[in-house]
Structures are given as C-alpha cells and as structure tokens.
Amino acid sequence: MAEEAPENLMLVFLRRLDQRMERLEGDMADIKLQATAIEEHLASIMMSMAGANARMDKIDARLARVERRLDLTDAQ
C-alpha cells in the first residue's frame, strides 16, 4: 500500500499538468486567432491610408495645375 501512494500521487500531478497544458493550448489558439485578426485589420487600415494618399496626390497635382494656369505660383 505504501508503494502505491507515491505512484498515485505522481499520476495526479501528471494529470493536473496535462489539464493545464490543454488549457494553455486552447489559450494559445485563441491568441493566434486574435493576432491574425489584428494583422488583417492593420492591413485594411494601411490599404485605406494608401488610397487616401493617392487621392491627396491627385488633388495636389490638380492644385498645382490650377496655380500654374492662374499664374499664382512663384517664378522658378
């Protein structure tokens, strides 16, 4: 009987450790999903900024053209 106690105690600890590892695996899977969602959101923001920059570049070119036509620019 005395020999069974340490073995059973070891099994108890191993089972607890296994349960904790399973929870950690689940948590890591959740964190990976969240990281992927953040990356996708960041990519979307960057695409939106690229579109806004392209529109501002077009506006800048049009403004420069208007200024040239109206002779509002400094002589260079």
N, C-alpha and C. Protein backbone atom coordinates (compact mmCIF):
# COMPACT_ATOMS: atom_id res chain seq x y z
N MET A 1 0.81 -1.19 0.00
CA MET A 1 0.00 0.00 0.00
C MET A 1 0.86 1.26 0.00
N ALA A 2 1.94 1.23 0.74
CA ALA A 2 2.82 2.39 0.84
C ALA A 2 3.46 2.70 -0.50
N GLU A 3 3.71 1.69 -1.32
CA GLU A 3 4.33 1.90 -2.62
C GLU A 3 3.36 2.52 -3.62
N GLU A 4 2.07 2.29 -3.45
CA GLU A 4 1.08 2.82 -4.38
C GLU A 4 0.87 4.33 -4.21
N ALA A 5 1.02 4.83 -3.03
CA ALA A 5 0.75 6.24 -2.77
C ALA A 5 1.63 7.17 -3.60
N PRO A 6 2.95 6.98 -3.64
CA PRO A 6 3.76 7.88 -4.47
C PRO A 6 3.41 7.77 -5.96
N GLU A 7 3.12 6.55 -6.42
CA GLU A 7 2.78 6.38 -7.83
C GLU A 7 1.46 7.10 -8.14
N ASN A 8 0.48 6.93 -7.27
CA ASN A 8 -0.80 7.60 -7.48
C ASN A 8 -0.64 9.11 -7.38
N LEU A 9 0.19 9.56 -6.49
CA LEU A 9 0.43 10.99 -6.35
C LEU A 9 1.07 11.55 -7.62
N MET A 10 2.00 10.80 -8.17
CA MET A 10 2.65 11.22 -9.41
C MET A 10 1.63 11.28 -10.55
N LEU A 11 0.76 10.29 -10.61
CA LEU A 11 -0.28 10.30 -11.65
C LEU A 11 -1.21 11.50 -11.49
N VAL A 12 -1.54 11.84 -10.26
CA VAL A 12 -2.40 13.00 -10.00
C VAL A 12 -1.72 14.27 -10.52
N PHE A 13 -0.45 14.42 -10.19
CA PHE A 13 0.27 15.61 -10.66
C PHE A 13 0.39 15.64 -12.18
N LEU A 14 0.65 14.49 -12.78
CA LEU A 14 0.75 14.43 -14.24
C LEU A 14 -0.58 14.76 -14.91
N ARG A 15 -1.67 14.30 -14.33
CA ARG A 15 -2.99 14.61 -14.90
C ARG A 15 -3.29 16.11 -14.79
N ARG A 16 -2.94 16.68 -13.65
CA ARG A 16 -3.13 18.13 -13.48
C ARG A 16 -2.30 18.89 -14.50
N LEU A 17 -1.06 18.45 -14.66
CA LEU A 17 -0.19 19.10 -15.62
C LEU A 17 -0.74 18.97 -17.04
N ASP A 18 -1.28 17.81 -17.36
CA ASP A 18 -1.88 17.59 -18.67
C ASP A 18 -3.08 18.51 -18.88
N GLN A 19 -3.91 18.66 -17.85
CA GLN A 19 -5.07 19.55 -17.97
C GLN A 19 -4.64 20.99 -18.17
N ARG A 20 -3.61 21.41 -17.45
CA ARG A 20 -3.12 22.78 -17.59
C ARG A 20 -2.54 23.00 -18.98
N MET A 21 -1.84 22.01 -19.50
CA MET A 21 -1.27 22.11 -20.84
C MET A 21 -2.39 22.21 -21.89
N GLU A 22 -3.46 21.47 -21.71
CA GLU A 22 -4.58 21.54 -22.64
C GLU A 22 -5.20 22.94 -22.62
N ARG A 23 -5.34 23.52 -21.42
CA ARG A 23 -5.87 24.89 -21.32
C ARG A 23 -4.94 25.88 -22.00
N LEU A 24 -3.64 25.70 -21.79
CA LEU A 24 -2.67 26.59 -22.43
C LEU A 24 -2.73 26.48 -23.95
N GLU A 25 -2.90 25.27 -24.46
CA GLU A 25 -3.03 25.08 -25.90
C GLU A 25 -4.26 25.82 -26.44
N GLY A 26 -5.36 25.72 -25.72
CA GLY A 26 -6.57 26.44 -26.12
C GLY A 26 -6.37 27.95 -26.08
N ASP A 27 -5.71 28.42 -25.03
CA ASP A 27 -5.44 29.85 -24.93
C ASP A 27 -4.53 30.33 -26.07
N MET A 28 -3.53 29.54 -26.40
CA MET A 28 -2.63 29.91 -27.49
C MET A 28 -3.37 29.95 -28.82
N ALA A 29 -4.28 29.03 -29.03
CA ALA A 29 -5.08 29.04 -30.26
C ALA A 29 -5.90 30.33 -30.33
N ASP A 30 -6.48 30.74 -29.20
CA ASP A 30 -7.25 31.98 -29.16
C ASP A 30 -6.36 33.19 -29.45
N ILE A 31 -5.18 33.19 -28.88
CA ILE A 31 -4.25 34.31 -29.08
C ILE A 31 -3.83 34.38 -30.55
N LYS A 32 -3.61 33.23 -31.17
CA LYS A 32 -3.25 33.21 -32.59
C LYS A 32 -4.37 33.78 -33.45
N LEU A 33 -5.60 33.43 -33.12
CA LEU A 33 -6.75 33.97 -33.87
C LEU A 33 -6.84 35.49 -33.70
N GLN A 34 -6.62 35.96 -32.48
CA GLN A 34 -6.67 37.40 -32.24
C GLN A 34 -5.54 38.12 -32.98
N ALA A 35 -4.36 37.52 -32.99
CA ALA A 35 -3.23 38.13 -33.70
C ALA A 35 -3.52 38.21 -35.20
N THR A 36 -4.12 37.17 -35.74
CA THR A 36 -4.48 37.17 -37.16
C THR A 36 -5.50 38.26 -37.45
N ALA A 37 -6.48 38.41 -36.59
CA ALA A 37 -7.50 39.45 -36.78
C ALA A 37 -6.86 40.83 -36.72
N ILE A 38 -5.93 41.03 -35.81
CA ILE A 38 -5.25 42.32 -35.70
C ILE A 38 -4.44 42.60 -36.95
N GLU A 39 -3.73 41.59 -37.45
CA GLU A 39 -2.94 41.76 -38.67
C GLU A 39 -3.83 42.11 -39.86
N GLU A 40 -4.98 41.44 -39.97
CA GLU A 40 -5.90 41.74 -41.06
C GLU A 40 -6.44 43.16 -40.94
N HIS A 41 -6.76 43.58 -39.72
CA HIS A 41 -7.27 44.93 -39.51
C HIS A 41 -6.20 45.96 -39.85
N LEU A 42 -4.98 45.71 -39.44
CA LEU A 42 -3.88 46.62 -39.75
C LEU A 42 -3.67 46.72 -41.26
N ALA A 43 -3.74 45.59 -41.94
CA ALA A 43 -3.59 45.61 -43.40
C ALA A 43 -4.71 46.43 -44.04
N SER A 44 -5.90 46.32 -43.51
CA SER A 44 -7.03 47.10 -44.03
C SER A 44 -6.80 48.59 -43.82
N ILE A 45 -6.30 48.96 -42.66
CA ILE A 45 -6.02 50.36 -42.38
C ILE A 45 -4.95 50.88 -43.33
N MET A 46 -3.92 50.08 -43.55
CA MET A 46 -2.84 50.50 -44.45
C MET A 46 -3.35 50.69 -45.88
N MET A 47 -4.23 49.82 -46.32
CA MET A 47 -4.82 49.96 -47.65
C MET A 47 -5.65 51.23 -47.74
N SER A 48 -6.39 51.54 -46.70
CA SER A 48 -7.19 52.76 -46.68
C SER A 48 -6.30 53.99 -46.73
N MET A 49 -5.20 53.95 -45.99
CA MET A 49 -4.27 55.08 -46.00
C MET A 49 -3.62 55.24 -47.37
N ALA A 50 -3.30 54.14 -48.02
CA ALA A 50 -2.72 54.21 -49.36
C ALA A 50 -3.69 54.85 -50.33
N GLY A 51 -4.97 54.49 -50.22
CA GLY A 51 -5.99 55.10 -51.07
C GLY A 51 -6.13 56.58 -50.80
N ALA A 52 -6.10 56.98 -49.52
CA ALA A 52 -6.20 58.40 -49.18
C ALA A 52 -4.99 59.16 -49.69
N ASN A 53 -3.81 58.56 -49.58
CA ASN A 53 -2.60 59.22 -50.09
C ASN A 53 -2.66 59.39 -51.60
N ALA A 54 -3.16 58.40 -52.29
CA ALA A 54 -3.29 58.51 -53.75
C ALA A 54 -4.25 59.64 -54.12
N ARG A 55 -5.36 59.75 -53.40
CA ARG A 55 -6.31 60.84 -53.68
C ARG A 55 -5.68 62.20 -53.39
N MET A 56 -4.92 62.30 -52.29
CA MET A 56 -4.26 63.57 -51.97
C MET A 56 -3.22 63.93 -53.03
N ASP A 57 -2.52 62.93 -53.56
CA ASP A 57 -1.56 63.20 -54.63
C ASP A 57 -2.25 63.76 -55.87
N LYS A 58 -3.41 63.20 -56.19
CA LYS A 58 -4.17 63.71 -57.35
C LYS A 58 -4.64 65.14 -57.10
N ILE A 59 -5.12 65.40 -55.89
CA ILE A 59 -5.56 66.76 -55.55
C ILE A 59 -4.40 67.73 -55.61
N ASP A 60 -3.24 67.32 -55.12
CA ASP A 60 -2.05 68.17 -55.17
C ASP A 60 -1.66 68.49 -56.61
N ALA A 61 -1.72 67.48 -57.49
CA ALA A 61 -1.40 67.71 -58.89
C ALA A 61 -2.40 68.66 -59.53
N ARG A 62 -3.67 68.49 -59.22
CA ARG A 62 -4.69 69.38 -59.79
C ARG A 62 -4.52 70.80 -59.27
N LEU A 63 -4.20 70.95 -57.99
CA LEU A 63 -3.99 72.28 -57.43
C LEU A 63 -2.78 72.95 -58.09
N ALA A 64 -1.73 72.21 -58.30
CA ALA A 64 -0.55 72.77 -58.96
C ALA A 64 -0.91 73.22 -60.38
N ARG A 65 -1.72 72.45 -61.04
CA ARG A 65 -2.15 72.83 -62.41
C ARG A 65 -2.98 74.11 -62.38
N VAL A 66 -3.89 74.22 -61.43
CA VAL A 66 -4.71 75.43 -61.30
C VAL A 66 -3.83 76.64 -61.01
N GLU A 67 -2.87 76.47 -60.10
CA GLU A 67 -1.98 77.57 -59.77
C GLU A 67 -1.16 78.00 -60.97
N ARG A 68 -0.70 77.05 -61.77
CA ARG A 68 0.07 77.40 -62.99
C ARG A 68 -0.80 78.16 -63.97
N ARG A 69 -2.04 77.71 -64.16
CA ARG A 69 -2.93 78.37 -65.12
C ARG A 69 -3.28 79.80 -64.68
N LEU A 70 -3.38 80.00 -63.40
CA LEU A 70 -3.73 81.33 -62.89
C LEU A 70 -2.50 82.17 -62.57
N ASP A 71 -1.34 81.64 -62.88
CA ASP A 71 -0.08 82.33 -62.58
C ASP A 71 0.02 82.72 -61.10
N LEU A 72 -0.35 81.80 -60.23
CA LEU A 72 -0.29 82.05 -58.81
C LEU A 72 0.98 81.49 -58.16
N THR A 73 1.78 80.79 -58.95
CA THR A 73 2.99 80.20 -58.39
C THR A 73 4.15 81.17 -58.51
N ASP A 74 5.11 81.01 -57.63
CA ASP A 74 6.33 81.81 -57.69
C ASP A 74 7.14 81.43 -58.91
N ALA A 75 7.80 82.40 -59.49
CA ALA A 75 8.67 82.12 -60.65
C ALA A 75 9.86 81.30 -60.18
N GLN A 76 10.14 80.24 -60.91
CA GLN A 76 11.27 79.38 -60.50
C GLN A 76 12.36 79.39 -61.55
